[in-house]
Amino acid sequence: MEAEILYGVLEILLSVKLFVLGPRLVLVIREYHVTLVANSDAEISMKSMVFQENVQISTSSSSTV
């Protein structure tokens, strides 16, 4: 009888744990993502590409000897 009571209490505690820790985990992950985005310097560190004019680039795969 005592084992059944302990098993029932354990089931209730596990359910409560699920409802408490589940949303908390979601909130922590969202907060972490926000800090990553806020601290991201990808936009600042991106350098603009400079294209040179009048540069000849061969696109032919055949080589002339």
C-alpha atoms as a PDB file:
ATOM      1  CA  MET A   1       0.000   0.000   0.000  1.00  0.00           C
ATOM      2  CA  GLU A   2       2.805   2.420   0.853  1.00  0.00           C
ATOM      3  CA  ALA A   3       4.512   1.721  -2.460  1.00  0.00           C
ATOM      4  CA  GLU A   4       1.340   2.644  -4.347  1.00  0.00           C
ATOM      5  CA  ILE A   5       1.059   5.930  -2.429  1.00  0.00           C
ATOM      6  CA  LEU A   6       4.684   6.777  -3.153  1.00  0.00           C
ATOM      7  CA  TYR A   7       4.193   5.901  -6.803  1.00  0.00           C
ATOM      8  CA  GLY A   8       1.129   8.185  -6.979  1.00  0.00           C
ATOM      9  CA  VAL A   9       2.996  11.059  -5.331  1.00  0.00           C
ATOM     10  CA  LEU A  10       5.890  10.531  -7.725  1.00  0.00           C
ATOM     11  CA  GLU A  11       3.521  10.710 -10.707  1.00  0.00           C
ATOM     12  CA  ILE A  12       2.023  13.960  -9.432  1.00  0.00           C
ATOM     13  CA  LEU A  13       5.458  15.482  -8.853  1.00  0.00           C
ATOM     14  CA  LEU A  14       6.617  14.509 -12.325  1.00  0.00           C
ATOM     15  CA  SER A  15       3.528  16.135 -13.857  1.00  0.00           C
ATOM     16  CA  VAL A  16       4.095  19.324 -11.875  1.00  0.00           C
ATOM     17  CA  LYS A  17       7.748  19.298 -12.906  1.00  0.00           C
ATOM     18  CA  LEU A  18       6.709  19.053 -16.554  1.00  0.00           C
ATOM     19  CA  PHE A  19       4.347  22.027 -16.308  1.00  0.00           C
ATOM     20  CA  VAL A  20       6.864  24.160 -14.402  1.00  0.00           C
ATOM     21  CA  LEU A  21      10.135  23.360 -16.140  1.00  0.00           C
ATOM     22  CA  GLY A  22       8.764  23.075 -19.684  1.00  0.00           C
ATOM     23  CA  PRO A  23       7.683  26.711 -20.052  1.00  0.00           C
ATOM     24  CA  ARG A  24      10.757  27.845 -18.125  1.00  0.00           C
ATOM     25  CA  LEU A  25      12.977  26.085 -20.655  1.00  0.00           C
ATOM     26  CA  VAL A  26      11.160  27.789 -23.520  1.00  0.00           C
ATOM     27  CA  LEU A  27      11.628  31.201 -21.888  1.00  0.00           C
ATOM     28  CA  VAL A  28      15.317  30.599 -21.259  1.00  0.00           C
ATOM     29  CA  ILE A  29      15.877  29.553 -24.881  1.00  0.00           C
ATOM     30  CA  ARG A  30      14.020  32.644 -26.155  1.00  0.00           C
ATOM     31  CA  GLU A  31      16.084  34.916 -23.890  1.00  0.00           C
ATOM     32  CA  TYR A  32      19.300  33.263 -25.080  1.00  0.00           C
ATOM     33  CA  HIS A  33      18.287  33.768 -28.719  1.00  0.00           C
ATOM     34  CA  VAL A  34      17.487  37.441 -28.093  1.00  0.00           C
ATOM     35  CA  THR A  35      20.890  38.025 -26.522  1.00  0.00           C
ATOM     36  CA  LEU A  36      22.601  36.269 -29.422  1.00  0.00           C
ATOM     37  CA  VAL A  37      20.801  38.463 -31.933  1.00  0.00           C
ATOM     38  CA  ALA A  38      21.455  41.620 -29.911  1.00  0.00           C
ATOM     39  CA  ASN A  39      25.152  40.849 -29.509  1.00  0.00           C
ATOM     40  CA  SER A  40      25.599  39.760 -33.096  1.00  0.00           C
ATOM     41  CA  ASP A  41      27.962  42.017 -34.983  1.00  0.00           C
ATOM     42  CA  ALA A  42      27.485  40.302 -38.326  1.00  0.00           C
ATOM     43  CA  GLU A  43      26.028  43.397 -39.913  1.00  0.00           C
ATOM     44  CA  ILE A  44      28.850  45.612 -38.656  1.00  0.00           C
ATOM     45  CA  SER A  45      31.679  43.298 -39.641  1.00  0.00           C
ATOM     46  CA  MET A  46      30.390  42.636 -43.154  1.00  0.00           C
ATOM     47  CA  LYS A  47      32.554  44.413 -45.682  1.00  0.00           C
ATOM     48  CA  SER A  48      31.207  45.566 -48.975  1.00  0.00           C
ATOM     49  CA  MET A  49      32.601  43.839 -51.998  1.00  0.00           C
ATOM     50  CA  VAL A  50      34.489  45.986 -54.455  1.00  0.00           C
ATOM     51  CA  PHE A  51      34.249  44.955 -58.059  1.00  0.00           C
ATOM     52  CA  GLN A  52      37.033  45.816 -60.457  1.00  0.00           C
ATOM     53  CA  GLU A  53      36.083  46.959 -63.904  1.00  0.00           C
ATOM     54  CA  ASN A  54      37.701  45.788 -67.146  1.00  0.00           C
ATOM     55  CA  VAL A  55      38.992  42.512 -65.724  1.00  0.00           C
ATOM     56  CA  GLN A  56      39.048  39.687 -68.246  1.00  0.00           C
ATOM     57  CA  ILE A  57      37.975  36.342 -66.811  1.00  0.00           C
ATOM     58  CA  SER A  58      38.088  33.269 -68.961  1.00  0.00           C
ATOM     59  CA  THR A  59      34.969  31.155 -68.706  1.00  0.00           C
ATOM     60  CA  SER A  60      35.996  28.647 -71.325  1.00  0.00           C
ATOM     61  CA  SER A  61      36.931  25.187 -70.143  1.00  0.00           C
ATOM     62  CA  SER A  62      39.067  24.456 -73.231  1.00  0.00           C
ATOM     63  CA  SER A  63      42.697  25.463 -73.038  1.00  0.00           C
ATOM     64  CA  THR A  64      44.519  26.826 -76.085  1.00  0.00           C
ATOM     65  CA  VAL A  65      48.163  25.903 -76.518  1.00  0.00           C
END
